[in-house]
Amino acid sequence: MDTNGVGWLGAIIVGGIAGWLAEQFMKSNMGIIMNILLGIVGAVVFNFILSLLNLGFTGVIPFLIIGFIGACILIAIARALRGSRV
């Protein structure tokens, strides 16, 4: 798993913040564990998409922004698949 030079502990902390921000922005109701997972997985998935476009970012702030955008995308996909509010 590529954590953009943040490290595992940093990925968990920043991923949790990114997931929480996405939860607030998307008006979703999830727990802290799901926020962390959404932030980390969202960052990894969106970072992979950016790497396909030859864009690469490292550091805490880019990881937070990429995690936030990725988590929002994952929440939107989950809503589309479930047809309900996630």
Protein backbone atom coordinates (compact mmCIF):
# COMPACT_ATOMS: atom_id res chain seq x y z
CA MET A 1 0.00 0.00 0.00
CA ASP A 2 1.43 3.36 -1.02
CA THR A 3 0.94 5.94 1.72
CA ASN A 4 2.53 8.90 -0.12
CA GLY A 5 5.52 9.10 2.21
CA VAL A 6 3.30 9.59 5.25
CA GLY A 7 3.98 6.25 6.99
CA TRP A 8 1.51 3.80 8.49
CA LEU A 9 0.73 5.72 11.67
CA GLY A 10 0.42 8.97 9.73
CA ALA A 11 -1.82 7.24 7.19
CA ILE A 12 -4.14 6.06 9.96
CA ILE A 13 -4.32 9.50 11.59
CA VAL A 14 -4.61 11.53 8.39
CA GLY A 15 -6.91 8.90 6.86
CA GLY A 16 -9.21 9.19 9.86
CA ILE A 17 -9.32 12.96 9.49
CA ALA A 18 -9.93 12.71 5.73
CA GLY A 19 -12.68 10.13 6.28
CA TRP A 20 -14.31 12.27 8.96
CA LEU A 21 -14.22 15.34 6.72
CA ALA A 22 -15.75 13.33 3.87
CA GLU A 23 -18.42 12.02 6.25
CA GLN A 24 -19.32 15.58 7.24
CA PHE A 25 -19.22 16.88 3.67
CA MET A 26 -21.33 14.03 2.24
CA LYS A 27 -23.70 14.12 5.27
CA SER A 28 -23.11 10.47 5.98
CA ASN A 29 -23.26 8.68 9.33
CA MET A 30 -20.39 6.27 9.99
CA GLY A 31 -18.14 5.35 12.86
CA ILE A 32 -14.48 6.16 13.47
CA ILE A 33 -13.23 2.84 12.07
CA MET A 34 -15.13 3.35 8.82
CA ASN A 35 -13.84 6.94 8.63
CA ILE A 36 -10.25 5.71 8.91
CA LEU A 37 -10.83 2.99 6.32
CA LEU A 38 -12.56 5.37 3.91
CA GLY A 39 -9.78 7.93 4.26
CA ILE A 40 -6.96 5.43 3.71
CA VAL A 41 -8.64 3.42 0.95
CA GLY A 42 -9.90 6.60 -0.68
CA ALA A 43 -6.37 8.02 -0.68
CA VAL A 44 -4.89 4.84 -2.14
CA VAL A 45 -7.56 4.53 -4.84
CA PHE A 46 -7.48 8.19 -5.84
CA ASN A 47 -3.66 8.22 -5.72
CA PHE A 48 -3.68 5.25 -8.11
CA ILE A 49 -6.00 7.15 -10.46
CA LEU A 50 -3.70 10.17 -10.29
CA SER A 51 -0.65 8.00 -10.96
CA LEU A 52 -2.30 6.77 -14.17
CA LEU A 53 -2.38 10.43 -15.21
CA ASN A 54 1.33 10.78 -14.28
CA LEU A 55 0.52 12.95 -11.27
CA GLY A 56 2.20 12.10 -8.00
CA PHE A 57 2.05 13.83 -4.64
CA THR A 58 3.78 13.18 -1.32
CA GLY A 59 3.31 14.64 2.13
CA VAL A 60 0.63 15.03 4.77
CA ILE A 61 -1.49 17.80 3.19
CA PRO A 62 -1.70 16.16 -0.26
CA PHE A 63 -2.52 12.83 1.44
CA LEU A 64 -5.32 14.56 3.37
CA ILE A 65 -6.74 16.19 0.24
CA ILE A 66 -6.43 13.03 -1.85
CA GLY A 67 -7.94 10.96 0.99
CA PHE A 68 -10.85 13.38 1.32
CA ILE A 69 -11.62 13.32 -2.41
CA GLY A 70 -11.20 9.55 -2.58
CA ALA A 71 -13.45 8.98 0.45
CA CYS A 72 -16.14 11.24 -1.07
CA ILE A 73 -15.93 9.20 -4.29
CA LEU A 74 -16.27 5.94 -2.33
CA ILE A 75 -19.29 7.26 -0.41
CA ALA A 76 -20.92 8.36 -3.69
CA ILE A 77 -20.28 4.94 -5.25
CA ALA A 78 -21.72 3.18 -2.18
CA ARG A 79 -24.83 5.38 -2.35
CA ALA A 80 -25.26 4.66 -6.05
CA LEU A 81 -24.94 0.91 -5.52
CA ARG A 82 -27.18 0.73 -2.48
CA GLY A 83 -29.72 3.29 -3.61
CA SER A 84 -29.94 4.67 -0.08
CA ARG A 85 -28.14 7.08 2.17
CA VAL A 86 -24.80 5.73 3.38
